[in-house]
Amino acid sequence: MLASLCLVLPACAGLTKSDRYLLRQPVLAAPESALVQKCTGPVSLGDKGLTQAEVERLWRTDRQRLLTCIRRHLALVEFYADRDAALQGQVTK
C-alpha cells in the first residue's frame, strides 16, 4: 500500500504548475498621465454683473470642461478594464 502511494505522488506532481510560475508577479501597466490629470473646475464668475454674452461664453466653457473631464474618466475606466481583462487572459475588444 505504501509503495503504491509513493508511485502515485510523483505522477501528480507533473500536473501542477511550477513554483516559478506561481511566484511570478503580474506586470501592472500604469495609465497615461493625461488620464489621471485632475479635472478643471467651473469658471469663476467673479463678483460683478454679467452680460448675456458673458454668461453664454462662461457656460460654454464650463460645458467643455465637464465633457473633457467625463471623457477622461471614461477612458481611465476603460484602461483599467482592458488591463484587468488582459491579466486574466481575456480580450475585451
Protein backbone atom coordinates (compact mmCIF):
# COMPACT_ATOMS: atom_id res chain seq x y z
CA MET A 1 0.00 0.00 0.00
CA LEU A 2 2.74 2.44 0.98
CA ALA A 3 4.75 1.53 -2.10
CA SER A 4 1.81 2.26 -4.41
CA LEU A 5 1.31 5.65 -2.73
CA CYS A 6 4.94 6.54 -3.42
CA LEU A 7 4.40 5.72 -7.09
CA VAL A 8 1.25 7.83 -7.41
CA LEU A 9 2.54 11.03 -5.80
CA PRO A 10 5.32 11.76 -8.35
CA ALA A 11 2.82 11.34 -11.17
CA CYS A 12 0.59 14.02 -9.66
CA ALA A 13 3.50 16.43 -9.36
CA GLY A 14 3.71 16.68 -13.13
CA LEU A 15 0.17 18.05 -13.30
CA THR A 16 0.79 21.04 -11.03
CA LYS A 17 2.14 24.40 -12.13
CA SER A 18 5.75 25.10 -11.40
CA ASP A 19 6.73 27.18 -8.40
CA ARG A 20 8.37 29.69 -10.70
CA TYR A 21 5.05 30.30 -12.48
CA LEU A 22 3.22 30.74 -9.18
CA LEU A 23 5.75 33.25 -7.83
CA ARG A 24 5.80 35.42 -10.96
CA GLN A 25 4.20 38.78 -10.25
CA PRO A 26 1.89 40.29 -12.89
CA VAL A 27 3.12 43.42 -14.61
CA LEU A 28 0.63 46.22 -13.96
CA ALA A 29 0.71 48.88 -16.63
CA ALA A 30 0.22 52.43 -15.41
CA PRO A 31 -2.27 54.71 -17.18
CA GLU A 32 -1.01 57.63 -19.22
CA SER A 33 -0.53 60.78 -17.16
CA ALA A 34 -3.24 62.56 -19.18
CA LEU A 35 -5.83 60.04 -17.94
CA VAL A 36 -5.15 60.74 -14.27
CA GLN A 37 -4.95 64.50 -14.62
CA LYS A 38 -7.19 66.44 -12.24
CA CYS A 39 -10.33 67.87 -13.83
CA THR A 40 -10.56 71.62 -14.21
CA GLY A 41 -13.26 73.14 -12.05
CA PRO A 42 -16.02 75.52 -13.10
CA VAL A 43 -15.31 79.01 -14.36
CA SER A 44 -15.12 81.75 -11.75
CA LEU A 45 -17.97 84.20 -12.25
CA GLY A 46 -16.38 86.98 -10.25
CA ASP A 47 -18.42 89.42 -8.19
CA LYS A 48 -19.73 91.74 -10.90
CA GLY A 49 -22.84 91.50 -13.01
CA LEU A 50 -22.55 89.59 -16.26
CA THR A 51 -23.96 90.31 -19.67
CA GLN A 52 -25.90 87.67 -21.57
CA ALA A 53 -22.92 87.16 -23.89
CA GLU A 54 -20.56 86.63 -20.92
CA VAL A 55 -22.95 84.16 -19.30
CA GLU A 56 -23.18 82.16 -22.54
CA ARG A 57 -19.40 82.17 -23.04
CA LEU A 58 -18.77 81.05 -19.44
CA TRP A 59 -21.49 78.41 -19.67
CA ARG A 60 -19.94 77.06 -22.87
CA THR A 61 -16.51 76.94 -21.18
CA ASP A 62 -17.98 75.06 -18.21
CA ARG A 63 -19.65 72.52 -20.51
CA GLN A 64 -16.40 71.96 -22.43
CA ARG A 65 -14.51 71.38 -19.19
CA LEU A 66 -17.18 68.97 -17.97
CA LEU A 67 -17.13 66.97 -21.21
CA THR A 68 -13.34 66.80 -21.16
CA CYS A 69 -13.44 65.51 -17.58
CA ILE A 70 -16.11 62.91 -18.35
CA ARG A 71 -14.25 61.63 -21.42
CA ARG A 72 -11.02 61.37 -19.43
CA HIS A 73 -12.80 59.48 -16.66
CA LEU A 74 -14.39 57.03 -19.13
CA ALA A 75 -11.03 56.49 -20.84
CA LEU A 76 -9.45 55.73 -17.46
CA VAL A 77 -12.21 53.24 -16.59
CA GLU A 78 -11.72 51.55 -19.99
CA PHE A 79 -7.95 51.42 -19.45
CA TYR A 80 -8.34 49.56 -16.16
CA ALA A 81 -10.99 47.21 -17.58
CA ASP A 82 -8.71 46.33 -20.52
CA ARG A 83 -5.68 45.88 -18.27
CA ASP A 84 -7.53 43.67 -15.81
CA ALA A 85 -9.02 41.57 -18.61
CA ALA A 86 -5.54 41.09 -20.10
CA LEU A 87 -4.25 39.93 -16.72
CA GLN A 88 -7.00 37.31 -16.67
CA GLY A 89 -6.21 36.24 -20.23
CA GLN A 90 -9.38 37.70 -21.71
CA VAL A 91 -9.86 40.09 -24.61
CA THR A 92 -12.44 42.91 -24.27
CA LYS A 93 -12.45 44.22 -27.82
